[in-house]
């Protein structure tokens, strides 16, 4: 019988930590959600308001994946209608350090006008 952690990570295809990390966060949307959480966004509608215009079906899927892999936690703030906020876990905060490093790298190495704010 599989443990909960094994079930959560069932889509990990390799023993390599880099490959396993990419299996969880290796698409553009996931890291942009983490970026938005670092910038203070917490609610579904706030994520939809980001400049990148994430489609609703992808947002719902990525939030579920991030919650399942313990990168974020969902906190209910209303029962009727059901509404939740999302917060980074300790693991998510660690991933946030990588997102901030990517931000710094992009500011140093990508030519042209950077359209997002100058800090996370």
PDB file of N, CA and C in Angstrom:
ATOM      1  N   UNK A   1       0.834  -1.185   0.000  1.00  0.00           N
ATOM      2  CA  UNK A   1       0.000   0.000   0.000  1.00  0.00           C
ATOM      3  C   UNK A   1       0.879   1.248   0.000  1.00  0.00           C
ATOM      4  N   UNK A   2       0.514   2.235  -0.842  1.00  0.00           N
ATOM      5  CA  UNK A   2       1.304   3.457  -0.952  1.00  0.00           C
ATOM      6  C   UNK A   2       1.024   4.391   0.216  1.00  0.00           C
ATOM      7  N   UNK A   3       2.081   5.102   0.652  1.00  0.00           N
ATOM      8  CA  UNK A   3       1.904   6.120   1.682  1.00  0.00           C
ATOM      9  C   UNK A   3       1.301   7.369   1.045  1.00  0.00           C
ATOM     10  N   UNK A   4       0.821   8.293   1.889  1.00  0.00           N
ATOM     11  CA  UNK A   4       0.265   9.546   1.376  1.00  0.00           C
ATOM     12  C   UNK A   4       1.294  10.308   0.555  1.00  0.00           C
ATOM     13  N   UNK A   5       2.534  10.328   1.033  1.00  0.00           N
ATOM     14  CA  UNK A   5       3.586  11.043   0.295  1.00  0.00           C
ATOM     15  C   UNK A   5       3.799  10.398  -1.073  1.00  0.00           C
ATOM     16  N   UNK A   6       3.775   9.083  -1.143  1.00  0.00           N
ATOM     17  CA  UNK A   6       3.935   8.401  -2.432  1.00  0.00           C
ATOM     18  C   UNK A   6       2.772   8.726  -3.365  1.00  0.00           C
ATOM     19  N   UNK A   7       1.566   8.810  -2.813  1.00  0.00           N
ATOM     20  CA  UNK A   7       0.413   9.162  -3.630  1.00  0.00           C
ATOM     21  C   UNK A   7       0.530  10.587  -4.146  1.00  0.00           C
ATOM     22  N   UNK A   8       0.989  11.506  -3.285  1.00  0.00           N
ATOM     23  CA  UNK A   8       1.142  12.897  -3.681  1.00  0.00           C
ATOM     24  C   UNK A   8       2.152  13.055  -4.805  1.00  0.00           C
ATOM     25  N   UNK A   9       3.172  12.239  -4.771  1.00  0.00           N
ATOM     26  CA  UNK A   9       4.264  12.375  -5.726  1.00  0.00           C
ATOM     27  C   UNK A   9       4.223  11.296  -6.796  1.00  0.00           C
ATOM     28  N   UNK A  10       3.035  10.787  -7.090  1.00  0.00           N
ATOM     29  CA  UNK A  10       2.917   9.678  -8.028  1.00  0.00           C
ATOM     30  C   UNK A  10       3.368  10.031  -9.440  1.00  0.00           C
ATOM     31  N   UNK A  11       3.382  11.300  -9.781  1.00  0.00           N
ATOM     32  CA  UNK A  11       3.783  11.697 -11.126  1.00  0.00           C
ATOM     33  C   UNK A  11       5.274  11.967 -11.254  1.00  0.00           C
ATOM     34  N   UNK A  12       6.036  11.710 -10.203  1.00  0.00           N
ATOM     35  CA  UNK A  12       7.487  11.871 -10.264  1.00  0.00           C
ATOM     36  C   UNK A  12       8.050  10.697 -11.061  1.00  0.00           C
ATOM     37  N   UNK A  13       8.759  11.034 -12.128  1.00  0.00           N
ATOM     38  CA  UNK A  13       9.212   9.985 -13.058  1.00  0.00           C
ATOM     39  C   UNK A  13      10.659   9.571 -12.888  1.00  0.00           C
ATOM     40  N   UNK A  14      11.379  10.208 -11.964  1.00  0.00           N
ATOM     41  CA  UNK A  14      12.800   9.938 -11.860  1.00  0.00           C
ATOM     42  C   UNK A  14      13.244  10.081 -10.413  1.00  0.00           C
ATOM     43  N   UNK A  15      14.339   9.422 -10.078  1.00  0.00           N
ATOM     44  CA  UNK A  15      14.944   9.581  -8.758  1.00  0.00           C
ATOM     45  C   UNK A  15      15.784  10.851  -8.665  1.00  0.00           C
ATOM     46  N   UNK A  16      16.027  11.508  -9.788  1.00  0.00           N
ATOM     47  CA  UNK A  16      16.831  12.729  -9.815  1.00  0.00           C
ATOM     48  C   UNK A  16      16.039  13.881  -9.184  1.00  0.00           C
ATOM     49  N   UNK A  17      16.605  14.578  -8.193  1.00  0.00           N
ATOM     50  CA  UNK A  17      15.895  15.682  -7.555  1.00  0.00           C
ATOM     51  C   UNK A  17      15.517  16.813  -8.519  1.00  0.00           C
ATOM     52  N   UNK A  18      16.355  17.105  -9.492  1.00  0.00           N
ATOM     53  CA  UNK A  18      16.032  18.159 -10.461  1.00  0.00           C
ATOM     54  C   UNK A  18      14.830  17.731 -11.301  1.00  0.00           C
ATOM     55  N   UNK A  19      14.852  16.517 -11.803  1.00  0.00           N
ATOM     56  CA  UNK A  19      13.738  16.015 -12.614  1.00  0.00           C
ATOM     57  C   UNK A  19      12.457  15.942 -11.790  1.00  0.00           C
ATOM     58  N   UNK A  20      12.559  15.488 -10.549  1.00  0.00           N
ATOM     59  CA  UNK A  20      11.386  15.405  -9.688  1.00  0.00           C
ATOM     60  C   UNK A  20      10.789  16.776  -9.401  1.00  0.00           C
ATOM     61  N   UNK A  21      11.645  17.759  -9.157  1.00  0.00           N
ATOM     62  CA  UNK A  21      11.172  19.124  -8.933  1.00  0.00           C
ATOM     63  C   UNK A  21      10.469  19.649 -10.169  1.00  0.00           C
ATOM     64  N   UNK A  22      11.045  19.397 -11.331  1.00  0.00           N
ATOM     65  CA  UNK A  22      10.414  19.843 -12.572  1.00  0.00           C
ATOM     66  C   UNK A  22       9.075  19.164 -12.809  1.00  0.00           C
ATOM     67  N   UNK A  23       8.923  17.923 -12.360  1.00  0.00           N
ATOM     68  CA  UNK A  23       7.636  17.245 -12.494  1.00  0.00           C
ATOM     69  C   UNK A  23       6.548  17.965 -11.695  1.00  0.00           C
ATOM     70  N   UNK A  24       6.928  18.653 -10.627  1.00  0.00           N
ATOM     71  CA  UNK A  24       5.959  19.369  -9.811  1.00  0.00           C
ATOM     72  C   UNK A  24       5.784  20.816 -10.277  1.00  0.00           C
ATOM     73  N   UNK A  25       6.873  21.512 -10.537  1.00  0.00           N
ATOM     74  CA  UNK A  25       6.799  22.956 -10.799  1.00  0.00           C
ATOM     75  C   UNK A  25       7.343  23.352 -12.166  1.00  0.00           C
ATOM     76  N   UNK A  26       7.472  22.423 -13.059  1.00  0.00           N
ATOM     77  CA  UNK A  26       8.158  22.676 -14.314  1.00  0.00           C
ATOM     78  C   UNK A  26       7.337  23.308 -15.420  1.00  0.00           C
ATOM     79  N   UNK A  27       6.253  23.979 -15.098  1.00  0.00           N
ATOM     80  CA  UNK A  27       5.525  24.715 -16.126  1.00  0.00           C
ATOM     81  C   UNK A  27       5.503  26.182 -15.721  1.00  0.00           C
ATOM     82  N   UNK A  28       5.251  27.061 -16.650  1.00  0.00           N
ATOM     83  CA  UNK A  28       5.329  28.494 -16.345  1.00  0.00           C
ATOM     84  C   UNK A  28       4.282  28.938 -15.340  1.00  0.00           C
ATOM     85  N   UNK A  29       3.135  28.342 -15.345  1.00  0.00           N
ATOM     86  CA  UNK A  29       2.061  28.825 -14.485  1.00  0.00           C
ATOM     87  C   UNK A  29       2.337  28.588 -13.005  1.00  0.00           C
ATOM     88  N   UNK A  30       2.878  27.454 -12.660  1.00  0.00           N
ATOM     89  CA  UNK A  30       3.095  27.114 -11.257  1.00  0.00           C
ATOM     90  C   UNK A  30       4.017  28.122 -10.583  1.00  0.00           C
ATOM     91  N   UNK A  31       5.119  28.440 -11.222  1.00  0.00           N
ATOM     92  CA  UNK A  31       6.051  29.387 -10.620  1.00  0.00           C
ATOM     93  C   UNK A  31       5.482  30.805 -10.589  1.00  0.00           C
ATOM     94  N   UNK A  32       4.611  31.142 -11.536  1.00  0.00           N
ATOM     95  CA  UNK A  32       3.969  32.458 -11.499  1.00  0.00           C
ATOM     96  C   UNK A  32       2.966  32.549 -10.349  1.00  0.00           C
ATOM     97  N   UNK A  33       2.313  31.451 -10.016  1.00  0.00           N
ATOM     98  CA  UNK A  33       1.429  31.434  -8.849  1.00  0.00           C
ATOM     99  C   UNK A  33       2.252  31.631  -7.585  1.00  0.00           C
ATOM    100  N   UNK A  34       3.394  30.955  -7.489  1.00  0.00           N
ATOM    101  CA  UNK A  34       4.274  31.137  -6.334  1.00  0.00           C
ATOM    102  C   UNK A  34       4.742  32.587  -6.271  1.00  0.00           C
ATOM    103  N   UNK A  35       5.101  33.167  -7.408  1.00  0.00           N
ATOM    104  CA  UNK A  35       5.502  34.575  -7.455  1.00  0.00           C
ATOM    105  C   UNK A  35       4.386  35.452  -6.897  1.00  0.00           C
ATOM    106  N   UNK A  36       3.146  35.201  -7.344  1.00  0.00           N
ATOM    107  CA  UNK A  36       2.027  36.016  -6.886  1.00  0.00           C
ATOM    108  C   UNK A  36       1.784  35.856  -5.389  1.00  0.00           C
ATOM    109  N   UNK A  37       1.946  34.658  -4.871  1.00  0.00           N
ATOM    110  CA  UNK A  37       1.827  34.451  -3.426  1.00  0.00           C
ATOM    111  C   UNK A  37       2.898  35.246  -2.680  1.00  0.00           C
ATOM    112  N   UNK A  38       4.103  35.271  -3.209  1.00  0.00           N
ATOM    113  CA  UNK A  38       5.184  36.051  -2.595  1.00  0.00           C
ATOM    114  C   UNK A  38       4.861  37.544  -2.607  1.00  0.00           C
ATOM    115  N   UNK A  39       4.127  37.982  -3.621  1.00  0.00           N
ATOM    116  CA  UNK A  39       3.750  39.391  -3.733  1.00  0.00           C
ATOM    117  C   UNK A  39       2.510  39.736  -2.918  1.00  0.00           C
ATOM    118  N   UNK A  40       1.915  38.753  -2.243  1.00  0.00           N
ATOM    119  CA  UNK A  40       0.805  39.026  -1.345  1.00  0.00           C
ATOM    120  C   UNK A  40      -0.571  38.609  -1.843  1.00  0.00           C
ATOM    121  N   UNK A  41      -0.651  38.076  -3.045  1.00  0.00           N
ATOM    122  CA  UNK A  41      -1.952  37.594  -3.516  1.00  0.00           C
ATOM    123  C   UNK A  41      -2.309  36.327  -2.753  1.00  0.00           C
ATOM    124  N   UNK A  42      -3.616  36.164  -2.481  1.00  0.00           N
ATOM    125  CA  UNK A  42      -4.045  35.013  -1.687  1.00  0.00           C
ATOM    126  C   UNK A  42      -5.279  34.329  -2.255  1.00  0.00           C
ATOM    127  N   UNK A  43      -6.057  35.054  -3.024  1.00  0.00           N
ATOM    128  CA  UNK A  43      -7.358  34.542  -3.445  1.00  0.00           C
ATOM    129  C   UNK A  43      -7.394  34.251  -4.938  1.00  0.00           C
ATOM    130  N   UNK A  44      -8.252  33.315  -5.284  1.00  0.00           N
ATOM    131  CA  UNK A  44      -8.397  32.841  -6.661  1.00  0.00           C
ATOM    132  C   UNK A  44      -8.524  34.001  -7.643  1.00  0.00           C
ATOM    133  N   UNK A  45      -9.422  34.932  -7.355  1.00  0.00           N
ATOM    134  CA  UNK A  45      -9.641  36.070  -8.245  1.00  0.00           C
ATOM    135  C   UNK A  45      -8.417  36.948  -8.398  1.00  0.00           C
ATOM    136  N   UNK A  46      -7.607  37.037  -7.351  1.00  0.00           N
ATOM    137  CA  UNK A  46      -6.380  37.826  -7.429  1.00  0.00           C
ATOM    138  C   UNK A  46      -5.387  37.191  -8.399  1.00  0.00           C
ATOM    139  N   UNK A  47      -5.313  35.865  -8.380  1.00  0.00           N
ATOM    140  CA  UNK A  47      -4.420  35.181  -9.328  1.00  0.00           C
ATOM    141  C   UNK A  47      -4.895  35.402 -10.761  1.00  0.00           C
ATOM    142  N   UNK A  48      -6.208  35.384 -10.953  1.00  0.00           N
ATOM    143  CA  UNK A  48      -6.757  35.614 -12.293  1.00  0.00           C
ATOM    144  C   UNK A  48      -6.454  37.015 -12.799  1.00  0.00           C
ATOM    145  N   UNK A  49      -6.260  37.961 -11.892  1.00  0.00           N
ATOM    146  CA  UNK A  49      -5.978  39.336 -12.276  1.00  0.00           C
ATOM    147  C   UNK A  49      -4.544  39.608 -12.686  1.00  0.00           C
ATOM    148  N   UNK A  50      -3.673  38.617 -12.595  1.00  0.00           N
ATOM    149  CA  UNK A  50      -2.274  38.819 -12.981  1.00  0.00           C
ATOM    150  C   UNK A  50      -2.156  39.076 -14.476  1.00  0.00           C
ATOM    151  N   UNK A  51      -1.132  39.805 -14.845  1.00  0.00           N
ATOM    152  CA  UNK A  51      -0.929  40.227 -16.240  1.00  0.00           C
ATOM    153  C   UNK A  51      -0.843  39.058 -17.218  1.00  0.00           C
ATOM    154  N   UNK A  52      -0.404  37.905 -16.762  1.00  0.00           N
ATOM    155  CA  UNK A  52      -0.216  36.763 -17.659  1.00  0.00           C
ATOM    156  C   UNK A  52      -1.522  36.077 -18.063  1.00  0.00           C
ATOM    157  N   UNK A  53      -2.610  36.396 -17.387  1.00  0.00           N
ATOM    158  CA  UNK A  53      -3.951  35.896 -17.732  1.00  0.00           C
ATOM    159  C   UNK A  53      -4.038  34.365 -17.738  1.00  0.00           C
ATOM    160  N   UNK A  54      -3.770  33.758 -16.609  1.00  0.00           N
ATOM    161  CA  UNK A  54      -3.859  32.299 -16.495  1.00  0.00           C
ATOM    162  C   UNK A  54      -5.309  31.853 -16.719  1.00  0.00           C
ATOM    163  N   UNK A  55      -5.524  30.855 -17.557  1.00  0.00           N
ATOM    164  CA  UNK A  55      -6.885  30.326 -17.748  1.00  0.00           C
ATOM    165  C   UNK A  55      -7.407  29.693 -16.452  1.00  0.00           C
ATOM    166  N   UNK A  56      -8.705  29.799 -16.213  1.00  0.00           N
ATOM    167  CA  UNK A  56      -9.290  29.321 -14.959  1.00  0.00           C
ATOM    168  C   UNK A  56      -9.072  27.831 -14.726  1.00  0.00           C
ATOM    169  N   UNK A  57      -9.162  27.026 -15.789  1.00  0.00           N
ATOM    170  CA  UNK A  57      -8.981  25.582 -15.609  1.00  0.00           C
ATOM    171  C   UNK A  57      -7.549  25.252 -15.205  1.00  0.00           C
ATOM    172  N   UNK A  58      -6.590  25.977 -15.754  1.00  0.00           N
ATOM    173  CA  UNK A  58      -5.187  25.741 -15.407  1.00  0.00           C
ATOM    174  C   UNK A  58      -4.918  26.224 -13.988  1.00  0.00           C
ATOM    175  N   UNK A  59      -5.467  27.379 -13.614  1.00  0.00           N
ATOM    176  CA  UNK A  59      -5.285  27.881 -12.252  1.00  0.00           C
ATOM    177  C   UNK A  59      -5.813  26.880 -11.234  1.00  0.00           C
ATOM    178  N   UNK A  60      -7.009  26.389 -11.441  1.00  0.00           N
ATOM    179  CA  UNK A  60      -7.592  25.424 -10.500  1.00  0.00           C
ATOM    180  C   UNK A  60      -6.723  24.175 -10.396  1.00  0.00           C
ATOM    181  N   UNK A  61      -6.233  23.684 -11.524  1.00  0.00           N
ATOM    182  CA  UNK A  61      -5.387  22.491 -11.535  1.00  0.00           C
ATOM    183  C   UNK A  61      -4.068  22.737 -10.812  1.00  0.00           C
ATOM    184  N   UNK A  62      -3.439  23.875 -11.075  1.00  0.00           N
ATOM    185  CA  UNK A  62      -2.140  24.162 -10.443  1.00  0.00           C
ATOM    186  C   UNK A  62      -2.292  24.376  -8.948  1.00  0.00           C
ATOM    187  N   UNK A  63      -3.353  25.048  -8.523  1.00  0.00           N
ATOM    188  CA  UNK A  63      -3.570  25.218  -7.082  1.00  0.00           C
ATOM    189  C   UNK A  63      -3.751  23.865  -6.400  1.00  0.00           C
ATOM    190  N   UNK A  64      -4.481  22.973  -7.038  1.00  0.00           N
ATOM    191  CA  UNK A  64      -4.676  21.634  -6.476  1.00  0.00           C
ATOM    192  C   UNK A  64      -3.345  20.891  -6.379  1.00  0.00           C
ATOM    193  N   UNK A  65      -2.539  20.965  -7.427  1.00  0.00           N
ATOM    194  CA  UNK A  65      -1.227  20.305  -7.420  1.00  0.00           C
ATOM    195  C   UNK A  65      -0.332  20.890  -6.336  1.00  0.00           C
ATOM    196  N   UNK A  66      -0.305  22.209  -6.217  1.00  0.00           N
ATOM    197  CA  UNK A  66       0.524  22.852  -5.194  1.00  0.00           C
ATOM    198  C   UNK A  66       0.070  22.474  -3.790  1.00  0.00           C
ATOM    199  N   UNK A  67      -1.225  22.333  -3.603  1.00  0.00           N
ATOM    200  CA  UNK A  67      -1.736  21.919  -2.297  1.00  0.00           C
ATOM    201  C   UNK A  67      -1.402  20.452  -2.029  1.00  0.00           C
ATOM    202  N   UNK A  68      -1.584  19.608  -3.009  1.00  0.00           N
ATOM    203  CA  UNK A  68      -1.317  18.183  -2.855  1.00  0.00           C
ATOM    204  C   UNK A  68       0.147  17.911  -2.540  1.00  0.00           C
ATOM    205  N   UNK A  69       1.034  18.720  -3.092  1.00  0.00           N
ATOM    206  CA  UNK A  69       2.469  18.524  -2.879  1.00  0.00           C
ATOM    207  C   UNK A  69       3.010  19.366  -1.728  1.00  0.00           C
ATOM    208  N   UNK A  70       2.098  19.938  -0.923  1.00  0.00           N
ATOM    209  CA  UNK A  70       2.446  20.663   0.299  1.00  0.00           C
ATOM    210  C   UNK A  70       3.294  21.914   0.035  1.00  0.00           C
ATOM    211  N   UNK A  71       3.069  22.554  -1.092  1.00  0.00           N
ATOM    212  CA  UNK A  71       3.746  23.815  -1.378  1.00  0.00           C
ATOM    213  C   UNK A  71       2.879  24.979  -0.912  1.00  0.00           C
ATOM    214  N   UNK A  72       1.567  24.794  -0.981  1.00  0.00           N
ATOM    215  CA  UNK A  72       0.633  25.779  -0.444  1.00  0.00           C
ATOM    216  C   UNK A  72      -0.367  25.075   0.456  1.00  0.00           C
ATOM    217  N   UNK A  73      -1.028  25.870   1.277  1.00  0.00           N
ATOM    218  CA  UNK A  73      -2.158  25.345   2.062  1.00  0.00           C
ATOM    219  C   UNK A  73      -3.361  26.233   1.763  1.00  0.00           C
ATOM    220  N   UNK A  74      -4.523  25.607   1.746  1.00  0.00           N
ATOM    221  CA  UNK A  74      -5.781  26.308   1.510  1.00  0.00           C
ATOM    222  C   UNK A  74      -6.435  26.562   2.859  1.00  0.00           C
ATOM    223  N   UNK A  75      -6.861  27.800   3.071  1.00  0.00           N
ATOM    224  CA  UNK A  75      -7.508  28.197   4.307  1.00  0.00           C
ATOM    225  C   UNK A  75      -8.876  28.781   3.952  1.00  0.00           C
ATOM    226  N   UNK A  76      -9.928  28.141   4.454  1.00  0.00           N
ATOM    227  CA  UNK A  76     -11.288  28.598   4.168  1.00  0.00           C
ATOM    228  C   UNK A  76     -11.600  29.829   5.000  1.00  0.00           C
ATOM    229  N   UNK A  77     -12.154  30.871   4.360  1.00  0.00           N
ATOM    230  CA  UNK A  77     -12.560  32.056   5.096  1.00  0.00           C
ATOM    231  C   UNK A  77     -14.060  32.315   4.995  1.00  0.00           C
ATOM    232  N   UNK A  78     -14.775  31.521   4.186  1.00  0.00           N
ATOM    233  CA  UNK A  78     -16.222  31.649   4.077  1.00  0.00           C
ATOM    234  C   UNK A  78     -16.814  30.284   3.755  1.00  0.00           C
ATOM    235  N   UNK A  79     -17.904  29.953   4.446  1.00  0.00           N
ATOM    236  CA  UNK A  79     -18.588  28.689   4.167  1.00  0.00           C
ATOM    237  C   UNK A  79     -19.663  28.861   3.108  1.00  0.00           C
ATOM    238  N   UNK A  80     -20.371  29.986   3.146  1.00  0.00           N
ATOM    239  CA  UNK A  80     -21.486  30.223   2.219  1.00  0.00           C
ATOM    240  C   UNK A  80     -21.324  31.580   1.573  1.00  0.00           C
ATOM    241  N   UNK A  81     -20.888  31.696   0.376  1.00  0.00           N
ATOM    242  CA  UNK A  81     -20.397  30.607  -0.473  1.00  0.00           C
ATOM    243  C   UNK A  81     -18.992  30.195  -0.038  1.00  0.00           C
ATOM    244  N   UNK A  82     -18.584  28.984  -0.388  1.00  0.00           N
ATOM    245  CA  UNK A  82     -17.250  28.530   0.009  1.00  0.00           C
ATOM    246  C   UNK A  82     -16.170  29.365  -0.680  1.00  0.00           C
ATOM    247  N   UNK A  83     -15.285  29.933   0.126  1.00  0.00           N
ATOM    248  CA  UNK A  83     -14.191  30.750  -0.384  1.00  0.00           C
ATOM    249  C   UNK A  83     -12.929  30.424   0.403  1.00  0.00           C
ATOM    250  N   UNK A  84     -11.802  30.416  -0.305  1.00  0.00           N
ATOM    251  CA  UNK A  84     -10.537  30.056   0.340  1.00  0.00           C
ATOM    252  C   UNK A  84      -9.440  31.053  -0.020  1.00  0.00           C
ATOM    253  N   UNK A  85      -8.470  31.124   0.855  1.00  0.00           N
ATOM    254  CA  UNK A  85      -7.222  31.822   0.586  1.00  0.00           C
ATOM    255  C   UNK A  85      -6.127  30.769   0.521  1.00  0.00           C
ATOM    256  N   UNK A  86      -5.051  31.119  -0.147  1.00  0.00           N
ATOM    257  CA  UNK A  86      -3.921  30.212  -0.296  1.00  0.00           C
ATOM    258  C   UNK A  86      -2.685  30.864   0.306  1.00  0.00           C
ATOM    259  N   UNK A  87      -1.906  30.040   1.009  1.00  0.00           N
ATOM    260  CA  UNK A  87      -0.702  30.519   1.673  1.00  0.00           C
ATOM    261  C   UNK A  87       0.439  29.540   1.397  1.00  0.00           C
ATOM    262  N   UNK A  88       1.637  30.080   1.264  1.00  0.00           N
ATOM    263  CA  UNK A  88       2.808  29.221   1.093  1.00  0.00           C
ATOM    264  C   UNK A  88       3.110  28.490   2.392  1.00  0.00           C
ATOM    265  N   UNK A  89       3.433  27.214   2.284  1.00  0.00           N
ATOM    266  CA  UNK A  89       3.919  26.441   3.422  1.00  0.00           C
ATOM    267  C   UNK A  89       5.414  26.724   3.570  1.00  0.00           C
ATOM    268  N   UNK A  90       6.049  26.090   4.529  1.00  0.00           N
ATOM    269  CA  UNK A  90       7.505  26.232   4.670  1.00  0.00           C
ATOM    270  C   UNK A  90       8.204  25.763   3.387  1.00  0.00           C
ATOM    271  N   UNK A  91       7.736  24.654   2.841  1.00  0.00           N
ATOM    272  CA  UNK A  91       8.280  24.147   1.576  1.00  0.00           C
ATOM    273  C   UNK A  91       8.062  25.165   0.458  1.00  0.00           C
ATOM    274  N   UNK A  92       6.887  25.795   0.440  1.00  0.00           N
ATOM    275  CA  UNK A  92       6.594  26.815  -0.559  1.00  0.00           C
ATOM    276  C   UNK A  92       7.476  28.037  -0.411  1.00  0.00           C
ATOM    277  N   UNK A  93       7.775  28.419   0.823  1.00  0.00           N
ATOM    278  CA  UNK A  93       8.685  29.548   1.061  1.00  0.00           C
ATOM    279  C   UNK A  93      10.079  29.229   0.513  1.00  0.00           C
ATOM    280  N   UNK A  94      10.504  27.990   0.677  1.00  0.00           N
ATOM    281  CA  UNK A  94      11.801  27.584   0.127  1.00  0.00           C
ATOM    282  C   UNK A  94      11.786  27.666  -1.395  1.00  0.00           C
ATOM    283  N   UNK A  95      10.696  27.245  -2.012  1.00  0.00           N
ATOM    284  CA  UNK A  95      10.557  27.367  -3.457  1.00  0.00           C
ATOM    285  C   UNK A  95      10.545  28.842  -3.857  1.00  0.00           C
ATOM    286  N   UNK A  96       9.968  29.685  -3.017  1.00  0.00           N
ATOM    287  CA  UNK A  96       9.955  31.120  -3.266  1.00  0.00           C
ATOM    288  C   UNK A  96      11.355  31.698  -3.400  1.00  0.00           C
ATOM    289  N   UNK A  97      12.307  31.153  -2.663  1.00  0.00           N
ATOM    290  CA  UNK A  97      13.702  31.608  -2.787  1.00  0.00           C
ATOM    291  C   UNK A  97      14.221  31.368  -4.204  1.00  0.00           C
ATOM    292  N   UNK A  98      13.810  30.265  -4.804  1.00  0.00           N
ATOM    293  CA  UNK A  98      14.217  29.966  -6.181  1.00  0.00           C
ATOM    294  C   UNK A  98      13.554  30.943  -7.142  1.00  0.00           C
ATOM    295  N   UNK A  99      12.290  31.238  -6.922  1.00  0.00           N
ATOM    296  CA  UNK A  99      11.579  32.194  -7.775  1.00  0.00           C
ATOM    297  C   UNK A  99      12.239  33.570  -7.685  1.00  0.00           C
ATOM    298  N   UNK A 100      12.626  33.984  -6.483  1.00  0.00           N
ATOM    299  CA  UNK A 100      13.305  35.276  -6.327  1.00  0.00           C
ATOM    300  C   UNK A 100      14.654  35.271  -7.026  1.00  0.00           C
ATOM    301  N   UNK A 101      15.361  34.139  -6.987  1.00  0.00           N
ATOM    302  CA  UNK A 101      16.633  34.039  -7.707  1.00  0.00           C
ATOM    303  C   UNK A 101      16.403  34.121  -9.215  1.00  0.00           C
ATOM    304  N   UNK A 102      15.321  33.520  -9.699  1.00  0.00           N
ATOM    305  CA  UNK A 102      14.992  33.615 -11.126  1.00  0.00           C
ATOM    306  C   UNK A 102      14.671  35.052 -11.501  1.00  0.00           C
ATOM    307  N   UNK A 103      13.967  35.770 -10.626  1.00  0.00           N
ATOM    308  CA  UNK A 103      13.648  37.172 -10.854  1.00  0.00           C
ATOM    309  C   UNK A 103      14.937  37.988 -10.987  1.00  0.00           C
ATOM    310  N   UNK A 104      15.855  37.788 -10.051  1.00  0.00           N
ATOM    311  CA  UNK A 104      17.125  38.520 -10.076  1.00  0.00           C
ATOM    312  C   UNK A 104      17.916  38.182 -11.345  1.00  0.00           C
ATOM    313  N   UNK A 105      17.959  36.917 -11.708  1.00  0.00           N
ATOM    314  CA  UNK A 105      18.664  36.511 -12.923  1.00  0.00           C
ATOM    315  C   UNK A 105      18.042  37.175 -14.145  1.00  0.00           C
ATOM    316  N   UNK A 106      16.720  37.165 -14.221  1.00  0.00           N
ATOM    317  CA  UNK A 106      16.030  37.784 -15.350  1.00  0.00           C
ATOM    318  C   UNK A 106      16.321  39.268 -15.457  1.00  0.00           C
ATOM    319  N   UNK A 107      16.336  39.959 -14.320  1.00  0.00           N
ATOM    320  CA  UNK A 107      16.652  41.387 -14.346  1.00  0.00           C
ATOM    321  C   UNK A 107      18.071  41.653 -14.827  1.00  0.00           C
ATOM    322  N   UNK A 108      18.997  40.771 -14.524  1.00  0.00           N
ATOM    323  CA  UNK A 108      20.390  40.957 -14.946  1.00  0.00           C
ATOM    324  C   UNK A 108      20.656  40.515 -16.377  1.00  0.00           C
ATOM    325  N   UNK A 109      19.904  39.546 -16.872  1.00  0.00           N
ATOM    326  CA  UNK A 109      20.301  38.887 -18.117  1.00  0.00           C
ATOM    327  C   UNK A 109      19.334  38.985 -19.284  1.00  0.00           C
ATOM    328  N   UNK A 110      18.139  39.472 -19.065  1.00  0.00           N
ATOM    329  CA  UNK A 110      17.195  39.567 -20.171  1.00  0.00           C
ATOM    330  C   UNK A 110      17.183  41.006 -20.659  1.00  0.00           C
ATOM    331  N   UNK A 111      17.567  41.193 -21.911  1.00  0.00           N
ATOM    332  CA  UNK A 111      17.580  42.528 -22.503  1.00  0.00           C
ATOM    333  C   UNK A 111      16.164  43.014 -22.734  1.00  0.00           C
ATOM    334  N   UNK A 112      16.011  44.304 -22.736  1.00  0.00           N
ATOM    335  CA  UNK A 112      14.694  44.889 -22.994  1.00  0.00           C
ATOM    336  C   UNK A 112      14.033  45.311 -21.719  1.00  0.00           C
ATOM    337  N   UNK A 113      12.850  45.807 -21.861  1.00  0.00           N
ATOM    338  CA  UNK A 113      12.108  46.336 -20.726  1.00  0.00           C
ATOM    339  C   UNK A 113      11.489  45.199 -19.927  1.00  0.00           C
ATOM    340  N   UNK A 114      11.778  45.171 -18.643  1.00  0.00           N
ATOM    341  CA  UNK A 114      11.162  44.212 -17.734  1.00  0.00           C
ATOM    342  C   UNK A 114       9.807  44.789 -17.331  1.00  0.00           C
ATOM    343  N   UNK A 115       8.731  44.065 -17.621  1.00  0.00           N
ATOM    344  CA  UNK A 115       7.396  44.593 -17.427  1.00  0.00           C
ATOM    345  C   UNK A 115       6.819  44.329 -16.039  1.00  0.00           C
ATOM    346  N   UNK A 116       7.407  43.420 -15.288  1.00  0.00           N
ATOM    347  CA  UNK A 116       6.867  43.203 -13.942  1.00  0.00           C
ATOM    348  C   UNK A 116       7.586  44.139 -12.972  1.00  0.00           C
ATOM    349  N   UNK A 117       7.060  44.238 -11.761  1.00  0.00           N
ATOM    350  CA  UNK A 117       7.627  45.170 -10.805  1.00  0.00           C
ATOM    351  C   UNK A 117       9.095  44.877 -10.543  1.00  0.00           C
ATOM    352  N   UNK A 118       9.795  45.844 -10.000  1.00  0.00           N
ATOM    353  CA  UNK A 118      11.228  45.689  -9.790  1.00  0.00           C
ATOM    354  C   UNK A 118      11.583  44.851  -8.583  1.00  0.00           C
ATOM    355  N   UNK A 119      10.594  44.350  -7.873  1.00  0.00           N
ATOM    356  CA  UNK A 119      10.857  43.456  -6.757  1.00  0.00           C
ATOM    357  C   UNK A 119       9.672  42.532  -6.539  1.00  0.00           C
ATOM    358  N   UNK A 120       9.953  41.458  -5.854  1.00  0.00           N
ATOM    359  CA  UNK A 120       8.865  40.515  -5.522  1.00  0.00           C
ATOM    360  C   UNK A 120       8.375  40.865  -4.157  1.00  0.00           C
TER     361      UNK A 120
END
